[in-house]
């Protein structure tokens, strides 16, 4: 198993980057961005997530994070699982989402192709954490 991109030292800060499957431009709607920010606030309050910087791009997210609570890999796993469910529901229920069928089809297709999922996948698997040693 590779150790190149892992959260090895919980006392360090990390740059993480994670993307929507097939680089779908999901975050062009503020409602979807708001789901991410709400999830981060929850993780800060209840899991010890420290956020030093973030940028939500149209298809992916960059963050500089640390922790004073749970391990970062657990925080990221839980956050991605929760937001996957919440974002799927938001896509399904958004009255003006013209790309609904296509996005859900792409995410279901990705889930069926991935042996770690059953039927649906919103996020690509890794977070690509890079430990930050200096400024």
N, C-alpha and C. Protein backbone atom coordinates (compact mmCIF):
# COMPACT_ATOMS: atom_id res chain seq x y z
N UNK A 1 0.84 -1.18 0.00
CA UNK A 1 0.00 0.00 0.00
C UNK A 1 0.89 1.24 0.00
N UNK A 2 0.54 2.22 -0.80
CA UNK A 2 1.31 3.44 -0.92
C UNK A 2 1.15 4.32 0.31
N UNK A 3 2.22 4.99 0.69
CA UNK A 3 2.15 5.95 1.79
C UNK A 3 2.46 7.36 1.30
N UNK A 4 2.55 7.55 -0.01
CA UNK A 4 2.90 8.86 -0.54
C UNK A 4 1.87 9.92 -0.17
N UNK A 5 0.60 9.62 -0.31
CA UNK A 5 -0.45 10.61 -0.05
C UNK A 5 -1.35 10.11 1.06
N UNK A 6 -0.87 10.25 2.30
CA UNK A 6 -1.64 9.84 3.46
C UNK A 6 -1.47 10.87 4.56
N UNK A 7 -2.40 10.88 5.50
CA UNK A 7 -2.28 11.73 6.68
C UNK A 7 -1.39 10.99 7.68
N UNK A 8 -0.09 11.23 7.60
CA UNK A 8 0.85 10.49 8.45
C UNK A 8 1.02 11.10 9.84
N UNK A 9 0.97 12.41 9.96
CA UNK A 9 1.22 13.09 11.22
C UNK A 9 0.03 14.00 11.53
N UNK A 10 -0.74 13.63 12.53
CA UNK A 10 -1.97 14.38 12.86
C UNK A 10 -1.68 15.76 13.45
N UNK A 11 -0.42 16.04 13.78
CA UNK A 11 -0.06 17.34 14.33
C UNK A 11 0.32 18.35 13.25
N UNK A 12 0.35 17.91 12.00
CA UNK A 12 0.74 18.78 10.90
C UNK A 12 -0.49 19.31 10.15
N UNK A 13 -0.28 20.35 9.38
CA UNK A 13 -1.31 20.85 8.48
C UNK A 13 -1.16 20.14 7.14
N UNK A 14 -2.28 20.01 6.42
CA UNK A 14 -2.27 19.34 5.13
C UNK A 14 -3.04 20.17 4.10
N UNK A 15 -2.53 20.13 2.89
CA UNK A 15 -3.27 20.61 1.74
C UNK A 15 -4.00 19.40 1.18
N UNK A 16 -5.31 19.50 1.03
CA UNK A 16 -6.10 18.41 0.44
C UNK A 16 -6.86 18.95 -0.76
N UNK A 17 -7.08 18.05 -1.69
CA UNK A 17 -7.83 18.39 -2.88
C UNK A 17 -8.70 17.19 -3.21
N UNK A 18 -9.99 17.42 -3.41
CA UNK A 18 -10.88 16.32 -3.75
C UNK A 18 -11.89 16.80 -4.77
N UNK A 19 -12.29 15.87 -5.64
CA UNK A 19 -13.08 16.25 -6.81
C UNK A 19 -14.33 15.39 -6.95
N UNK A 20 -15.29 15.96 -7.65
CA UNK A 20 -16.51 15.24 -8.01
C UNK A 20 -16.17 14.27 -9.14
N UNK A 21 -16.80 13.10 -9.15
CA UNK A 21 -16.53 12.11 -10.20
C UNK A 21 -16.70 12.75 -11.57
N UNK A 22 -15.86 12.32 -12.48
CA UNK A 22 -15.88 12.83 -13.86
C UNK A 22 -15.73 14.34 -13.93
N UNK A 23 -15.25 14.94 -12.85
CA UNK A 23 -15.03 16.39 -12.80
C UNK A 23 -16.29 17.17 -13.21
N UNK A 24 -17.43 16.68 -12.76
CA UNK A 24 -18.70 17.34 -13.05
C UNK A 24 -18.71 18.71 -12.36
N UNK A 25 -19.13 19.74 -13.07
CA UNK A 25 -19.22 21.09 -12.52
C UNK A 25 -20.43 21.22 -11.60
N UNK A 26 -20.32 20.63 -10.44
CA UNK A 26 -21.42 20.60 -9.48
C UNK A 26 -21.59 21.93 -8.76
N UNK A 27 -20.49 22.56 -8.42
CA UNK A 27 -20.55 23.71 -7.52
C UNK A 27 -20.74 25.05 -8.24
N UNK A 28 -21.53 25.02 -9.30
CA UNK A 28 -21.89 26.28 -9.94
C UNK A 28 -23.15 26.87 -9.29
N UNK A 29 -23.77 26.09 -8.42
CA UNK A 29 -24.95 26.56 -7.69
C UNK A 29 -24.57 26.82 -6.22
N UNK A 30 -25.00 27.97 -5.72
CA UNK A 30 -24.68 28.33 -4.34
C UNK A 30 -25.26 27.34 -3.34
N UNK A 31 -26.40 26.74 -3.65
CA UNK A 31 -27.03 25.79 -2.73
C UNK A 31 -26.10 24.61 -2.44
N UNK A 32 -25.36 24.16 -3.44
CA UNK A 32 -24.46 23.03 -3.28
C UNK A 32 -23.21 23.45 -2.49
N UNK A 33 -22.74 24.66 -2.72
CA UNK A 33 -21.60 25.18 -1.95
C UNK A 33 -21.99 25.30 -0.48
N UNK A 34 -23.21 25.77 -0.24
CA UNK A 34 -23.68 25.94 1.14
C UNK A 34 -23.71 24.61 1.90
N UNK A 35 -24.01 23.53 1.22
CA UNK A 35 -24.00 22.21 1.86
C UNK A 35 -22.59 21.87 2.34
N UNK A 36 -21.60 22.18 1.52
CA UNK A 36 -20.21 21.92 1.91
C UNK A 36 -19.83 22.75 3.13
N UNK A 37 -20.14 24.02 3.10
CA UNK A 37 -19.76 24.91 4.20
C UNK A 37 -20.45 24.50 5.50
N UNK A 38 -21.71 24.10 5.41
CA UNK A 38 -22.44 23.64 6.60
C UNK A 38 -21.78 22.38 7.17
N UNK A 39 -21.37 21.49 6.30
CA UNK A 39 -20.70 20.26 6.73
C UNK A 39 -19.36 20.58 7.41
N UNK A 40 -18.62 21.52 6.85
CA UNK A 40 -17.34 21.91 7.45
C UNK A 40 -17.55 22.49 8.84
N UNK A 41 -18.58 23.32 9.00
CA UNK A 41 -18.86 23.91 10.30
C UNK A 41 -19.18 22.83 11.33
N UNK A 42 -19.94 21.82 10.89
CA UNK A 42 -20.25 20.69 11.78
C UNK A 42 -18.96 19.97 12.18
N UNK A 43 -18.09 19.70 11.21
CA UNK A 43 -16.83 19.01 11.49
C UNK A 43 -15.93 19.84 12.40
N UNK A 44 -15.96 21.15 12.26
CA UNK A 44 -15.18 22.01 13.14
C UNK A 44 -15.72 21.93 14.57
N UNK A 45 -17.02 21.96 14.71
CA UNK A 45 -17.63 22.00 16.03
C UNK A 45 -17.56 20.66 16.75
N UNK A 46 -17.78 19.56 16.02
CA UNK A 46 -17.93 18.26 16.68
C UNK A 46 -16.79 17.27 16.44
N UNK A 47 -15.92 17.52 15.48
CA UNK A 47 -14.87 16.55 15.17
C UNK A 47 -13.46 17.11 15.32
N UNK A 48 -13.33 18.41 15.58
CA UNK A 48 -12.02 19.01 15.78
C UNK A 48 -11.33 19.45 14.50
N UNK A 49 -12.05 19.56 13.40
CA UNK A 49 -11.46 20.01 12.16
C UNK A 49 -11.03 21.47 12.27
N UNK A 50 -9.81 21.73 11.83
CA UNK A 50 -9.30 23.10 11.75
C UNK A 50 -9.14 23.44 10.28
N UNK A 51 -9.73 24.54 9.85
CA UNK A 51 -9.65 24.97 8.45
C UNK A 51 -8.87 26.28 8.39
N UNK A 52 -7.78 26.26 7.64
CA UNK A 52 -6.92 27.43 7.51
C UNK A 52 -7.10 28.13 6.17
N UNK A 53 -7.67 27.46 5.22
CA UNK A 53 -7.95 28.05 3.92
C UNK A 53 -8.76 27.08 3.09
N UNK A 54 -9.57 27.61 2.19
CA UNK A 54 -10.36 26.73 1.33
C UNK A 54 -10.76 27.47 0.07
N UNK A 55 -11.03 26.70 -0.95
CA UNK A 55 -11.48 27.25 -2.23
C UNK A 55 -12.39 26.20 -2.88
N UNK A 56 -13.62 26.58 -3.12
CA UNK A 56 -14.55 25.69 -3.82
C UNK A 56 -14.51 26.06 -5.29
N UNK A 57 -13.99 25.18 -6.11
CA UNK A 57 -13.97 25.37 -7.55
C UNK A 57 -15.24 24.73 -8.11
N UNK A 58 -15.46 24.82 -9.41
CA UNK A 58 -16.71 24.31 -9.97
C UNK A 58 -16.83 22.79 -9.84
N UNK A 59 -15.72 22.06 -9.90
CA UNK A 59 -15.77 20.61 -9.88
C UNK A 59 -14.94 19.97 -8.77
N UNK A 60 -14.25 20.79 -8.00
CA UNK A 60 -13.38 20.24 -6.95
C UNK A 60 -13.14 21.27 -5.87
N UNK A 61 -12.50 20.81 -4.79
CA UNK A 61 -12.29 21.65 -3.61
C UNK A 61 -10.84 21.53 -3.17
N UNK A 62 -10.27 22.66 -2.76
CA UNK A 62 -8.94 22.70 -2.16
C UNK A 62 -9.10 23.20 -0.73
N UNK A 63 -8.35 22.62 0.19
CA UNK A 63 -8.40 23.06 1.58
C UNK A 63 -7.02 22.93 2.22
N UNK A 64 -6.76 23.76 3.22
CA UNK A 64 -5.63 23.58 4.12
C UNK A 64 -6.26 23.30 5.48
N UNK A 65 -5.96 22.11 6.01
CA UNK A 65 -6.66 21.65 7.22
C UNK A 65 -5.69 21.06 8.25
N UNK A 66 -6.17 20.99 9.46
CA UNK A 66 -5.50 20.32 10.56
C UNK A 66 -6.58 19.78 11.48
N UNK A 67 -6.15 19.26 12.63
CA UNK A 67 -7.12 18.72 13.58
C UNK A 67 -6.62 18.88 15.01
N UNK A 68 -7.56 19.05 15.91
CA UNK A 68 -7.27 18.96 17.34
C UNK A 68 -8.24 17.95 17.97
N UNK A 69 -8.80 17.11 17.12
CA UNK A 69 -9.78 16.11 17.57
C UNK A 69 -9.53 14.79 16.87
N UNK A 70 -10.53 14.35 16.12
CA UNK A 70 -10.43 13.08 15.40
C UNK A 70 -9.33 13.12 14.35
N UNK A 71 -8.90 11.94 13.92
CA UNK A 71 -7.90 11.85 12.86
C UNK A 71 -8.46 12.44 11.57
N UNK A 72 -7.58 13.08 10.80
CA UNK A 72 -8.01 13.74 9.58
C UNK A 72 -8.63 12.78 8.58
N UNK A 73 -8.10 11.56 8.46
CA UNK A 73 -8.68 10.62 7.51
C UNK A 73 -10.12 10.27 7.88
N UNK A 74 -10.41 10.20 9.18
CA UNK A 74 -11.78 9.92 9.63
C UNK A 74 -12.70 11.11 9.38
N UNK A 75 -12.20 12.31 9.63
CA UNK A 75 -12.99 13.51 9.38
C UNK A 75 -13.32 13.60 7.89
N UNK A 76 -12.32 13.42 7.04
CA UNK A 76 -12.54 13.52 5.60
C UNK A 76 -13.49 12.43 5.11
N UNK A 77 -13.34 11.22 5.61
CA UNK A 77 -14.24 10.12 5.23
C UNK A 77 -15.68 10.45 5.59
N UNK A 78 -15.90 10.88 6.82
CA UNK A 78 -17.25 11.18 7.28
C UNK A 78 -17.84 12.38 6.55
N UNK A 79 -17.02 13.40 6.32
CA UNK A 79 -17.50 14.59 5.62
C UNK A 79 -17.88 14.26 4.19
N UNK A 80 -17.07 13.47 3.51
CA UNK A 80 -17.38 13.12 2.13
C UNK A 80 -18.61 12.21 2.06
N UNK A 81 -18.75 11.32 3.02
CA UNK A 81 -19.93 10.45 3.04
C UNK A 81 -21.20 11.27 3.26
N UNK A 82 -21.16 12.15 4.25
CA UNK A 82 -22.33 12.98 4.55
C UNK A 82 -22.68 13.88 3.37
N UNK A 83 -21.69 14.56 2.81
CA UNK A 83 -21.99 15.51 1.73
C UNK A 83 -22.41 14.79 0.46
N UNK A 84 -21.94 13.58 0.27
CA UNK A 84 -22.39 12.81 -0.89
C UNK A 84 -23.90 12.58 -0.82
N UNK A 85 -24.37 12.21 0.35
CA UNK A 85 -25.81 11.97 0.54
C UNK A 85 -26.58 13.29 0.42
N UNK A 86 -26.10 14.32 1.11
CA UNK A 86 -26.80 15.61 1.11
C UNK A 86 -26.82 16.24 -0.28
N UNK A 87 -25.71 16.16 -0.99
CA UNK A 87 -25.65 16.74 -2.33
C UNK A 87 -26.53 15.97 -3.31
N UNK A 88 -26.55 14.64 -3.16
CA UNK A 88 -27.43 13.84 -4.03
C UNK A 88 -28.88 14.26 -3.83
N UNK A 89 -29.29 14.39 -2.57
CA UNK A 89 -30.67 14.81 -2.29
C UNK A 89 -30.94 16.20 -2.84
N UNK A 90 -29.97 17.10 -2.71
CA UNK A 90 -30.15 18.46 -3.22
C UNK A 90 -30.29 18.48 -4.73
N UNK A 91 -29.50 17.66 -5.41
CA UNK A 91 -29.61 17.57 -6.87
C UNK A 91 -30.99 17.03 -7.25
N UNK A 92 -31.41 15.98 -6.57
CA UNK A 92 -32.71 15.36 -6.89
C UNK A 92 -33.87 16.31 -6.65
N UNK A 93 -33.75 17.18 -5.65
CA UNK A 93 -34.87 18.03 -5.25
C UNK A 93 -34.79 19.46 -5.79
N UNK A 94 -33.70 19.82 -6.44
CA UNK A 94 -33.55 21.20 -6.91
C UNK A 94 -34.51 21.44 -8.08
N UNK A 95 -35.45 22.38 -7.94
CA UNK A 95 -36.47 22.57 -8.97
C UNK A 95 -35.93 23.08 -10.31
N UNK A 96 -34.78 23.75 -10.29
CA UNK A 96 -34.25 24.33 -11.53
C UNK A 96 -33.00 23.60 -12.03
N UNK A 97 -32.74 22.40 -11.52
CA UNK A 97 -31.53 21.68 -11.93
C UNK A 97 -31.74 21.02 -13.28
N UNK A 98 -31.32 21.69 -14.33
CA UNK A 98 -31.51 21.19 -15.69
C UNK A 98 -30.60 20.01 -16.01
N UNK A 99 -29.54 19.83 -15.22
CA UNK A 99 -28.58 18.74 -15.48
C UNK A 99 -28.84 17.53 -14.58
N UNK A 100 -29.94 17.51 -13.87
CA UNK A 100 -30.23 16.49 -12.87
C UNK A 100 -30.04 15.07 -13.39
N UNK A 101 -30.75 14.72 -14.45
CA UNK A 101 -30.69 13.35 -14.96
C UNK A 101 -29.29 12.96 -15.37
N UNK A 102 -28.61 13.85 -16.06
CA UNK A 102 -27.25 13.56 -16.52
C UNK A 102 -26.29 13.39 -15.35
N UNK A 103 -26.33 14.30 -14.37
CA UNK A 103 -25.41 14.20 -13.23
C UNK A 103 -25.66 12.93 -12.43
N UNK A 104 -26.92 12.64 -12.15
CA UNK A 104 -27.23 11.44 -11.38
C UNK A 104 -26.83 10.18 -12.15
N UNK A 105 -27.03 10.19 -13.45
CA UNK A 105 -26.63 9.04 -14.28
C UNK A 105 -25.12 8.84 -14.20
N UNK A 106 -24.34 9.94 -14.31
CA UNK A 106 -22.88 9.85 -14.24
C UNK A 106 -22.42 9.33 -12.87
N UNK A 107 -23.07 9.78 -11.81
CA UNK A 107 -22.69 9.38 -10.46
C UNK A 107 -23.10 7.93 -10.17
N UNK A 108 -24.23 7.51 -10.69
CA UNK A 108 -24.64 6.11 -10.54
C UNK A 108 -23.70 5.21 -11.33
N UNK A 109 -23.36 5.64 -12.52
CA UNK A 109 -22.44 4.87 -13.36
C UNK A 109 -21.07 4.72 -12.69
N UNK A 110 -20.57 5.80 -12.08
CA UNK A 110 -19.30 5.74 -11.36
C UNK A 110 -19.39 4.80 -10.17
N UNK A 111 -20.52 4.82 -9.46
CA UNK A 111 -20.70 3.94 -8.32
C UNK A 111 -20.73 2.48 -8.70
N UNK A 112 -21.35 2.16 -9.81
CA UNK A 112 -21.42 0.77 -10.25
C UNK A 112 -20.06 0.24 -10.70
N UNK A 113 -19.21 1.13 -11.20
CA UNK A 113 -17.88 0.73 -11.67
C UNK A 113 -16.87 0.59 -10.54
N UNK A 114 -17.20 1.13 -9.37
CA UNK A 114 -16.27 1.13 -8.24
C UNK A 114 -16.67 0.03 -7.26
N UNK A 115 -15.78 -0.90 -7.02
CA UNK A 115 -16.10 -2.03 -6.14
C UNK A 115 -16.31 -1.61 -4.69
N UNK A 116 -15.87 -0.41 -4.31
CA UNK A 116 -16.05 0.06 -2.93
C UNK A 116 -17.40 0.73 -2.71
N UNK A 117 -18.14 0.95 -3.78
CA UNK A 117 -19.48 1.52 -3.69
C UNK A 117 -20.48 0.52 -4.22
N UNK A 118 -21.73 0.75 -3.92
CA UNK A 118 -22.76 -0.17 -4.41
C UNK A 118 -23.46 0.40 -5.64
N UNK A 119 -23.99 1.60 -5.50
CA UNK A 119 -24.79 2.12 -6.61
C UNK A 119 -24.53 3.57 -6.96
N UNK A 120 -23.78 4.30 -6.13
CA UNK A 120 -23.66 5.74 -6.34
C UNK A 120 -22.32 6.23 -5.83
N UNK A 121 -21.70 7.14 -6.56
CA UNK A 121 -20.45 7.75 -6.13
C UNK A 121 -20.43 9.21 -6.56
N UNK A 122 -20.32 10.12 -5.60
CA UNK A 122 -20.24 11.54 -5.92
C UNK A 122 -18.78 12.01 -5.95
N UNK A 123 -17.99 11.60 -4.97
CA UNK A 123 -16.60 12.04 -4.86
C UNK A 123 -15.63 11.01 -5.44
N UNK A 124 -14.56 11.49 -6.04
CA UNK A 124 -13.45 10.60 -6.37
C UNK A 124 -12.87 10.09 -5.06
N UNK A 125 -12.21 8.93 -5.10
CA UNK A 125 -11.81 8.23 -3.88
C UNK A 125 -10.85 9.00 -2.98
N UNK A 126 -9.79 9.57 -3.51
CA UNK A 126 -8.76 10.09 -2.60
C UNK A 126 -8.91 11.58 -2.32
N UNK A 127 -8.11 12.04 -1.36
CA UNK A 127 -8.08 13.45 -0.96
C UNK A 127 -6.76 14.09 -1.34
N UNK A 128 -5.82 13.26 -1.75
CA UNK A 128 -4.49 13.71 -2.15
C UNK A 128 -3.86 14.61 -1.10
N UNK A 129 -3.78 14.16 0.18
CA UNK A 129 -3.23 15.03 1.22
C UNK A 129 -1.72 15.22 1.06
N UNK A 130 -1.29 16.47 1.15
CA UNK A 130 0.12 16.81 1.10
C UNK A 130 0.47 17.53 2.39
N UNK A 131 1.39 16.95 3.15
CA UNK A 131 1.79 17.55 4.42
C UNK A 131 2.52 18.86 4.15
N UNK A 132 2.17 19.89 4.92
CA UNK A 132 2.79 21.19 4.76
C UNK A 132 3.90 21.35 5.80
N UNK A 133 5.13 21.39 5.33
CA UNK A 133 6.28 21.47 6.22
C UNK A 133 6.70 22.90 6.52
N UNK A 134 6.44 23.80 5.58
CA UNK A 134 6.84 25.19 5.76
C UNK A 134 5.87 26.08 4.98
N UNK A 135 6.12 27.39 5.03
CA UNK A 135 5.21 28.31 4.37
C UNK A 135 5.25 28.15 2.86
